Amino acid sequence: MLNYLVTSPARRRLLTVLWVEHARGSAAELARLAHASFATVFRELRKLLTEAMVVVSFEDGVATYRRNDDHPLAADLRRLLSWRAKPQPTEADDRLRAELAALGAPVQSEAAAAGTRDESVEAVVVRGVELARREPATARALPVLLHRLRGRLDLEALQAAARQAGVGHALGFLLALTARLGHDDTYARAARALRDKRVHAQPFFVTSKHPPVSFPLARRWGFHLGTREADFASTFERFATQPA
């Protein structure tokens, strides 16, 4: 819907950076975060100032922009820019949950038990990360699965598959979280290799309406989840020490 209402990709990205990710900075810094040219972002900021959608202050002589939370439509703007269509569960998702469960993830599926597929464990895990970006329950289950699979995964193949699927940074965060929850540095190096420092205050759940809050490790990785670390820890403590 936002694509229809705001036709300029650069404007959409800048609005998201300011109003959803709550970023602030100079025009150059916001251009980097929005992956747009300085000239484009500077022009858009001038228009946003005219509409009082941003405010500007000077810090050490540098113009710094942030969203205007006092705008009369501020709450409506945040809701509009944060809204994502909620995907309907599909049979493919349910089959994937069955495959993840067969590998040791504590997820439920109504699909028949997963049979043998001509697909690597690493490929299934990567598809699980893609699903975790939409399903909090799957996200909470993946550290358990990764912990159970340590020593079995080909980490180089896993990293390559995740990068190709566009979920390398998300996998890196889950690997780092697994290392933390399991008090085991097996995945620490692989996690660091996947980190994309361009990610800044993004929602982990791409269709989420959760509030933009998070916990320290997630914030270091540039994610807000609307989910506590204790929620991940509770699932991990319940299942990680049990046989798969």
C-alpha atoms as a PDB file:
ATOM      1  CA  MET A   1       0.000   0.000   0.000  1.00  0.00           C
ATOM      2  CA  LEU A   2       2.817   2.420   0.858  1.00  0.00           C
ATOM      3  CA  ASN A   3       4.345   1.817  -2.571  1.00  0.00           C
ATOM      4  CA  TYR A   4       1.088   3.021  -4.105  1.00  0.00           C
ATOM      5  CA  LEU A   5       0.786   6.111  -1.900  1.00  0.00           C
ATOM      6  CA  VAL A   6       4.473   7.113  -2.052  1.00  0.00           C
ATOM      7  CA  THR A   7       5.788   6.368  -5.510  1.00  0.00           C
ATOM      8  CA  SER A   8       9.367   7.540  -4.951  1.00  0.00           C
ATOM      9  CA  PRO A   9      11.553   4.665  -3.618  1.00  0.00           C
ATOM     10  CA  ALA A  10      14.057   7.125  -2.125  1.00  0.00           C
ATOM     11  CA  ARG A  11      11.297   9.008  -0.304  1.00  0.00           C
ATOM     12  CA  ARG A  12       9.862   5.745   1.075  1.00  0.00           C
ATOM     13  CA  ARG A  13      13.261   4.676   2.362  1.00  0.00           C
ATOM     14  CA  LEU A  14      13.941   8.071   3.941  1.00  0.00           C
ATOM     15  CA  LEU A  15      10.528   8.166   5.627  1.00  0.00           C
ATOM     16  CA  THR A  16      11.102   4.642   6.961  1.00  0.00           C
ATOM     17  CA  VAL A  17      14.548   5.559   8.298  1.00  0.00           C
ATOM     18  CA  LEU A  18      13.163   8.627  10.076  1.00  0.00           C
ATOM     19  CA  TRP A  19       9.735   7.476  11.231  1.00  0.00           C
ATOM     20  CA  VAL A  20      10.080   3.698  11.709  1.00  0.00           C
ATOM     21  CA  GLU A  21      13.747   3.252  12.568  1.00  0.00           C
ATOM     22  CA  HIS A  22      13.783   6.567  14.488  1.00  0.00           C
ATOM     23  CA  ALA A  23      17.148   7.531  13.018  1.00  0.00           C
ATOM     24  CA  ARG A  24      18.582  11.009  13.278  1.00  0.00           C
ATOM     25  CA  GLY A  25      21.592  12.538  11.618  1.00  0.00           C
ATOM     26  CA  SER A  26      22.982  14.824   8.988  1.00  0.00           C
ATOM     27  CA  ALA A  27      21.759  14.695   5.413  1.00  0.00           C
ATOM     28  CA  ALA A  28      24.846  12.644   4.514  1.00  0.00           C
ATOM     29  CA  GLU A  29      24.238  10.155   7.335  1.00  0.00           C
ATOM     30  CA  LEU A  30      20.555   9.780   6.440  1.00  0.00           C
ATOM     31  CA  ALA A  31      21.484   9.316   2.779  1.00  0.00           C
ATOM     32  CA  ARG A  32      23.736   6.418   3.775  1.00  0.00           C
ATOM     33  CA  LEU A  33      20.998   4.829   5.905  1.00  0.00           C
ATOM     34  CA  ALA A  34      18.396   5.271   3.166  1.00  0.00           C
ATOM     35  CA  HIS A  35      20.773   3.990   0.451  1.00  0.00           C
ATOM     36  CA  ALA A  36      20.099   7.115  -1.610  1.00  0.00           C
ATOM     37  CA  SER A  37      22.213   9.931  -3.011  1.00  0.00           C
ATOM     38  CA  PHE A  38      23.013  12.953  -0.884  1.00  0.00           C
ATOM     39  CA  ALA A  39      21.356  15.299  -3.382  1.00  0.00           C
ATOM     40  CA  THR A  40      18.119  13.293  -3.355  1.00  0.00           C
ATOM     41  CA  VAL A  41      17.956  13.079   0.433  1.00  0.00           C
ATOM     42  CA  PHE A  42      18.817  16.754   0.905  1.00  0.00           C
ATOM     43  CA  ARG A  43      16.024  17.695  -1.502  1.00  0.00           C
ATOM     44  CA  GLU A  44      13.542  15.436   0.315  1.00  0.00           C
ATOM     45  CA  LEU A  45      14.550  16.830   3.706  1.00  0.00           C
ATOM     46  CA  ARG A  46      13.818  20.359   2.484  1.00  0.00           C
ATOM     47  CA  LYS A  47      10.315  19.223   1.511  1.00  0.00           C
ATOM     48  CA  LEU A  48       9.809  17.420   4.828  1.00  0.00           C
ATOM     49  CA  LEU A  49      10.844  20.562   6.690  1.00  0.00           C
ATOM     50  CA  THR A  50       8.251  22.538   4.748  1.00  0.00           C
ATOM     51  CA  GLU A  51       5.577  20.055   5.885  1.00  0.00           C
ATOM     52  CA  ALA A  52       6.949  20.106   9.472  1.00  0.00           C
ATOM     53  CA  MET A  53       7.499  16.329   9.296  1.00  0.00           C
ATOM     54  CA  VAL A  54      11.100  16.731  10.443  1.00  0.00           C
ATOM     55  CA  VAL A  55      12.886  19.181  12.682  1.00  0.00           C
ATOM     56  CA  VAL A  56      16.464  20.323  12.382  1.00  0.00           C
ATOM     57  CA  SER A  57      18.988  21.309  15.014  1.00  0.00           C
ATOM     58  CA  PHE A  58      22.652  22.190  14.773  1.00  0.00           C
ATOM     59  CA  GLU A  59      25.173  20.019  16.568  1.00  0.00           C
ATOM     60  CA  ASP A  60      28.785  21.220  16.322  1.00  0.00           C
ATOM     61  CA  GLY A  61      27.684  23.313  13.379  1.00  0.00           C
ATOM     62  CA  VAL A  62      26.192  20.345  11.486  1.00  0.00           C
ATOM     63  CA  ALA A  63      22.495  20.316  10.581  1.00  0.00           C
ATOM     64  CA  THR A  64      20.941  17.255  12.235  1.00  0.00           C
ATOM     65  CA  TYR A  65      17.487  16.051  11.233  1.00  0.00           C
ATOM     66  CA  ARG A  66      14.976  13.917  13.136  1.00  0.00           C
ATOM     67  CA  ARG A  67      11.279  13.153  12.874  1.00  0.00           C
ATOM     68  CA  ASN A  68       8.885  15.677  14.379  1.00  0.00           C
ATOM     69  CA  ASP A  69       7.056  13.780  17.112  1.00  0.00           C
ATOM     70  CA  ASP A  70       4.971  16.896  17.790  1.00  0.00           C
ATOM     71  CA  HIS A  71       3.408  16.813  14.324  1.00  0.00           C
ATOM     72  CA  PRO A  72      -0.395  16.506  14.725  1.00  0.00           C
ATOM     73  CA  LEU A  73      -0.378  13.403  12.518  1.00  0.00           C
ATOM     74  CA  ALA A  74       2.741  11.827  14.055  1.00  0.00           C
ATOM     75  CA  ALA A  75       0.959   8.720  15.402  1.00  0.00           C
ATOM     76  CA  ASP A  76      -0.866   8.200  12.103  1.00  0.00           C
ATOM     77  CA  LEU A  77       2.373   8.540  10.141  1.00  0.00           C
ATOM     78  CA  ARG A  78       4.110   5.944  12.305  1.00  0.00           C
ATOM     79  CA  ARG A  79       1.222   3.501  11.886  1.00  0.00           C
ATOM     80  CA  LEU A  80       1.062   4.011   8.135  1.00  0.00           C
ATOM     81  CA  LEU A  81       4.789   3.649   7.588  1.00  0.00           C
ATOM     82  CA  SER A  82       5.052   0.630   9.920  1.00  0.00           C
ATOM     83  CA  TRP A  83       2.072  -1.231   8.499  1.00  0.00           C
ATOM     84  CA  ARG A  84       2.796  -4.500   6.734  1.00  0.00           C
ATOM     85  CA  ALA A  85       0.309  -6.903   5.269  1.00  0.00           C
ATOM     86  CA  LYS A  86       0.173 -10.032   7.420  1.00  0.00           C
ATOM     87  CA  PRO A  87       0.881 -13.063   5.229  1.00  0.00           C
ATOM     88  CA  GLN A  88      -1.514 -15.968   5.411  1.00  0.00           C
ATOM     89  CA  PRO A  89       0.001 -19.292   6.497  1.00  0.00           C
ATOM     90  CA  THR A  90       0.699 -21.521   3.540  1.00  0.00           C
ATOM     91  CA  GLU A  91       1.085 -25.251   3.036  1.00  0.00           C
ATOM     92  CA  ALA A  92       4.699 -24.602   2.033  1.00  0.00           C
ATOM     93  CA  ASP A  93       5.353 -22.918   5.387  1.00  0.00           C
ATOM     94  CA  ASP A  94       3.799 -25.848   7.213  1.00  0.00           C
ATOM     95  CA  ARG A  95       5.913 -28.342   5.271  1.00  0.00           C
ATOM     96  CA  LEU A  96       8.990 -26.295   6.138  1.00  0.00           C
ATOM     97  CA  ARG A  97       8.049 -26.394   9.828  1.00  0.00           C
ATOM     98  CA  ALA A  98       7.839 -30.186   9.527  1.00  0.00           C
ATOM     99  CA  GLU A  99      11.335 -30.260   7.999  1.00  0.00           C
ATOM    100  CA  LEU A 100      12.682 -28.019  10.759  1.00  0.00           C
ATOM    101  CA  ALA A 101      11.018 -30.194  13.394  1.00  0.00           C
ATOM    102  CA  ALA A 102      12.601 -33.290  11.847  1.00  0.00           C
ATOM    103  CA  LEU A 103      16.012 -31.639  12.268  1.00  0.00           C
ATOM    104  CA  GLY A 104      15.312 -30.809  15.904  1.00  0.00           C
ATOM    105  CA  ALA A 105      13.519 -27.458  16.008  1.00  0.00           C
ATOM    106  CA  PRO A 106      10.714 -27.215  18.608  1.00  0.00           C
ATOM    107  CA  VAL A 107       8.046 -26.101  16.148  1.00  0.00           C
ATOM    108  CA  GLN A 108       4.618 -27.510  15.460  1.00  0.00           C
ATOM    109  CA  SER A 109       3.340 -28.557  12.071  1.00  0.00           C
ATOM    110  CA  GLU A 110       0.184 -30.160  10.778  1.00  0.00           C
ATOM    111  CA  ALA A 111       2.073 -31.485   7.760  1.00  0.00           C
ATOM    112  CA  ALA A 112       3.115 -35.099   7.538  1.00  0.00           C
ATOM    113  CA  ALA A 113       6.512 -35.941   8.967  1.00  0.00           C
ATOM    114  CA  ALA A 114       9.179 -34.644   6.641  1.00  0.00           C
ATOM    115  CA  GLY A 115      10.695 -37.270   4.441  1.00  0.00           C
ATOM    116  CA  THR A 116      14.081 -37.364   2.781  1.00  0.00           C
ATOM    117  CA  ARG A 117      14.632 -34.479   0.375  1.00  0.00           C
ATOM    118  CA  ASP A 118      17.379 -33.773  -2.081  1.00  0.00           C
ATOM    119  CA  GLU A 119      18.387 -30.705  -0.062  1.00  0.00           C
ATOM    120  CA  SER A 120      21.150 -30.022   2.407  1.00  0.00           C
ATOM    121  CA  VAL A 121      20.594 -29.346   6.080  1.00  0.00           C
ATOM    122  CA  GLU A 122      22.160 -25.922   5.499  1.00  0.00           C
ATOM    123  CA  ALA A 123      19.540 -25.094   2.844  1.00  0.00           C
ATOM    124  CA  VAL A 124      16.695 -26.047   5.197  1.00  0.00           C
ATOM    125  CA  VAL A 125      18.156 -23.889   7.968  1.00  0.00           C
ATOM    126  CA  VAL A 126      18.405 -20.913   5.612  1.00  0.00           C
ATOM    127  CA  ARG A 127      14.771 -21.335   4.602  1.00  0.00           C
ATOM    128  CA  GLY A 128      14.001 -21.519   8.307  1.00  0.00           C
ATOM    129  CA  VAL A 129      15.685 -18.140   8.813  1.00  0.00           C
ATOM    130  CA  GLU A 130      13.513 -16.687   6.044  1.00  0.00           C
ATOM    131  CA  LEU A 131      10.421 -18.028   7.815  1.00  0.00           C
ATOM    132  CA  ALA A 132      11.694 -16.718  11.162  1.00  0.00           C
ATOM    133  CA  ARG A 133      11.604 -13.191   9.741  1.00  0.00           C
ATOM    134  CA  ARG A 134       7.809 -13.612   9.587  1.00  0.00           C
ATOM    135  CA  GLU A 135       7.081 -15.907  12.540  1.00  0.00           C
ATOM    136  CA  PRO A 136       8.203 -15.138  16.107  1.00  0.00           C
ATOM    137  CA  ALA A 137       7.633 -18.764  17.183  1.00  0.00           C
ATOM    138  CA  THR A 138      10.009 -20.014  14.492  1.00  0.00           C
ATOM    139  CA  ALA A 139      12.539 -17.332  15.419  1.00  0.00           C
ATOM    140  CA  ARG A 140      12.478 -18.502  19.056  1.00  0.00           C
ATOM    141  CA  ALA A 141      12.939 -22.112  17.943  1.00  0.00           C
ATOM    142  CA  LEU A 142      15.940 -21.557  15.673  1.00  0.00           C
ATOM    143  CA  PRO A 143      18.569 -21.056  18.422  1.00  0.00           C
ATOM    144  CA  VAL A 144      17.525 -24.451  19.791  1.00  0.00           C
ATOM    145  CA  LEU A 145      17.916 -26.012  16.346  1.00  0.00           C
ATOM    146  CA  LEU A 146      21.275 -24.336  15.722  1.00  0.00           C
ATOM    147  CA  HIS A 147      22.531 -25.492  19.133  1.00  0.00           C
ATOM    148  CA  ARG A 148      21.491 -29.074  18.383  1.00  0.00           C
ATOM    149  CA  LEU A 149      23.138 -28.955  14.951  1.00  0.00           C
ATOM    150  CA  ARG A 150      26.511 -27.594  16.130  1.00  0.00           C
ATOM    151  CA  GLY A 151      29.297 -29.722  14.727  1.00  0.00           C
ATOM    152  CA  ARG A 152      26.996 -31.028  11.997  1.00  0.00           C
ATOM    153  CA  LEU A 153      26.605 -27.882   9.916  1.00  0.00           C
ATOM    154  CA  ASP A 154      29.027 -26.896   7.173  1.00  0.00           C
ATOM    155  CA  LEU A 155      29.381 -23.273   8.260  1.00  0.00           C
ATOM    156  CA  GLU A 156      30.945 -22.069   5.016  1.00  0.00           C
ATOM    157  CA  ALA A 157      28.108 -23.580   3.005  1.00  0.00           C
ATOM    158  CA  LEU A 158      25.583 -22.158   5.473  1.00  0.00           C
ATOM    159  CA  GLN A 159      27.063 -18.664   5.192  1.00  0.00           C
ATOM    160  CA  ALA A 160      27.112 -18.804   1.399  1.00  0.00           C
ATOM    161  CA  ALA A 161      23.504 -20.013   1.175  1.00  0.00           C
ATOM    162  CA  ALA A 162      22.317 -17.350   3.632  1.00  0.00           C
ATOM    163  CA  ARG A 163      24.045 -14.549   1.751  1.00  0.00           C
ATOM    164  CA  GLN A 164      22.580 -15.763  -1.530  1.00  0.00           C
ATOM    165  CA  ALA A 165      19.086 -15.824   0.022  1.00  0.00           C
ATOM    166  CA  GLY A 166      19.527 -12.315   1.458  1.00  0.00           C
ATOM    167  CA  VAL A 167      19.308 -13.429   5.108  1.00  0.00           C
ATOM    168  CA  GLY A 168      22.997 -13.473   5.988  1.00  0.00           C
ATOM    169  CA  HIS A 169      22.744 -10.733   8.612  1.00  0.00           C
ATOM    170  CA  ALA A 170      19.623 -12.282  10.170  1.00  0.00           C
ATOM    171  CA  LEU A 171      21.347 -15.673  10.361  1.00  0.00           C
ATOM    172  CA  GLY A 172      24.383 -14.002  11.905  1.00  0.00           C
ATOM    173  CA  PHE A 173      22.222 -12.504  14.635  1.00  0.00           C
ATOM    174  CA  LEU A 174      20.627 -15.893  15.369  1.00  0.00           C
ATOM    175  CA  LEU A 175      24.045 -17.553  15.479  1.00  0.00           C
ATOM    176  CA  ALA A 176      25.294 -14.899  17.914  1.00  0.00           C
ATOM    177  CA  LEU A 177      22.156 -15.346  20.022  1.00  0.00           C
ATOM    178  CA  THR A 178      22.654 -19.134  20.030  1.00  0.00           C
ATOM    179  CA  ALA A 179      26.246 -18.709  21.189  1.00  0.00           C
ATOM    180  CA  ARG A 180      25.059 -16.439  23.990  1.00  0.00           C
ATOM    181  CA  LEU A 181      22.189 -18.646  25.146  1.00  0.00           C
ATOM    182  CA  GLY A 182      24.241 -21.828  24.960  1.00  0.00           C
ATOM    183  CA  HIS A 183      27.406 -20.333  26.496  1.00  0.00           C
ATOM    184  CA  ASP A 184      29.249 -21.835  23.536  1.00  0.00           C
ATOM    185  CA  ASP A 185      31.389 -19.844  21.085  1.00  0.00           C
ATOM    186  CA  THR A 186      31.058 -22.427  18.292  1.00  0.00           C
ATOM    187  CA  TYR A 187      29.139 -19.978  16.119  1.00  0.00           C
ATOM    188  CA  ALA A 188      30.779 -16.712  17.197  1.00  0.00           C
ATOM    189  CA  ARG A 189      33.219 -16.438  14.281  1.00  0.00           C
ATOM    190  CA  ALA A 190      30.594 -17.403  11.702  1.00  0.00           C
ATOM    191  CA  ALA A 191      28.238 -14.788  13.175  1.00  0.00           C
ATOM    192  CA  ARG A 192      30.829 -12.023  12.919  1.00  0.00           C
ATOM    193  CA  ALA A 193      31.537 -12.898   9.287  1.00  0.00           C
ATOM    194  CA  LEU A 194      27.851 -12.436   8.433  1.00  0.00           C
ATOM    195  CA  ARG A 195      27.339  -9.106  10.175  1.00  0.00           C
ATOM    196  CA  ASP A 196      26.299  -6.233   7.917  1.00  0.00           C
ATOM    197  CA  LYS A 197      27.107  -2.991   9.712  1.00  0.00           C
ATOM    198  CA  ARG A 198      24.832  -1.071   7.350  1.00  0.00           C
ATOM    199  CA  VAL A 199      21.805  -2.549   9.172  1.00  0.00           C
ATOM    200  CA  HIS A 200      20.551   0.071  11.584  1.00  0.00           C
ATOM    201  CA  ALA A 201      17.459  -0.210  13.816  1.00  0.00           C
ATOM    202  CA  GLN A 202      15.460  -2.410  11.464  1.00  0.00           C
ATOM    203  CA  PRO A 203      12.492  -4.598  12.416  1.00  0.00           C
ATOM    204  CA  PHE A 204      13.527  -8.250  12.554  1.00  0.00           C
ATOM    205  CA  PHE A 205      10.002  -9.411  11.788  1.00  0.00           C
ATOM    206  CA  VAL A 206       9.404  -7.879   8.381  1.00  0.00           C
ATOM    207  CA  THR A 207       5.606  -7.966   8.765  1.00  0.00           C
ATOM    208  CA  SER A 208       5.651  -7.011  12.438  1.00  0.00           C
ATOM    209  CA  LYS A 209       3.433  -4.558  14.246  1.00  0.00           C
ATOM    210  CA  HIS A 210       5.448  -5.116  17.425  1.00  0.00           C
ATOM    211  CA  PRO A 211       6.684  -1.976  19.193  1.00  0.00           C
ATOM    212  CA  PRO A 212      10.246  -0.906  18.290  1.00  0.00           C
ATOM    213  CA  VAL A 213      11.884  -2.263  21.438  1.00  0.00           C
ATOM    214  CA  SER A 214      14.574  -4.851  21.757  1.00  0.00           C
ATOM    215  CA  PHE A 215      17.393  -6.189  23.923  1.00  0.00           C
ATOM    216  CA  PRO A 216      21.106  -5.281  23.895  1.00  0.00           C
ATOM    217  CA  LEU A 217      22.378  -8.042  21.601  1.00  0.00           C
ATOM    218  CA  ALA A 218      19.637  -7.381  19.055  1.00  0.00           C
ATOM    219  CA  ARG A 219      20.336  -3.643  19.156  1.00  0.00           C
ATOM    220  CA  ARG A 220      24.025  -4.299  18.504  1.00  0.00           C
ATOM    221  CA  TRP A 221      22.949  -6.168  15.399  1.00  0.00           C
ATOM    222  CA  GLY A 222      20.657  -3.310  14.337  1.00  0.00           C
ATOM    223  CA  PHE A 223      17.368  -5.151  14.968  1.00  0.00           C
ATOM    224  CA  HIS A 224      14.347  -4.358  17.075  1.00  0.00           C
ATOM    225  CA  LEU A 225      12.075  -7.301  17.721  1.00  0.00           C
ATOM    226  CA  GLY A 226       9.364  -6.324  20.167  1.00  0.00           C
ATOM    227  CA  THR A 227      10.422  -9.586  21.838  1.00  0.00           C
ATOM    228  CA  ARG A 228      12.450  -9.990  25.011  1.00  0.00           C
ATOM    229  CA  GLU A 229      15.659 -11.974  25.244  1.00  0.00           C
ATOM    230  CA  ALA A 230      13.940 -13.812  28.102  1.00  0.00           C
ATOM    231  CA  ASP A 231      11.417 -15.202  25.585  1.00  0.00           C
ATOM    232  CA  PHE A 232      14.259 -16.736  23.565  1.00  0.00           C
ATOM    233  CA  ALA A 233      15.978 -17.926  26.744  1.00  0.00           C
ATOM    234  CA  SER A 234      12.821 -19.617  28.026  1.00  0.00           C
ATOM    235  CA  THR A 235      12.419 -21.638  24.811  1.00  0.00           C
ATOM    236  CA  PHE A 236      16.126 -22.460  24.760  1.00  0.00           C
ATOM    237  CA  GLU A 237      16.243 -23.619  28.384  1.00  0.00           C
ATOM    238  CA  ARG A 238      13.155 -25.756  27.887  1.00  0.00           C
ATOM    239  CA  PHE A 239      14.274 -27.609  24.760  1.00  0.00           C
ATOM    240  CA  ALA A 240      18.014 -27.242  24.074  1.00  0.00           C
ATOM    241  CA  THR A 241      19.127 -29.826  26.636  1.00  0.00           C
ATOM    242  CA  GLN A 242      16.478 -32.375  25.588  1.00  0.00           C
ATOM    243  CA  PRO A 243      17.108 -34.991  22.889  1.00  0.00           C
ATOM    244  CA  ALA A 244      15.884 -33.846  19.479  1.00  0.00           C
END
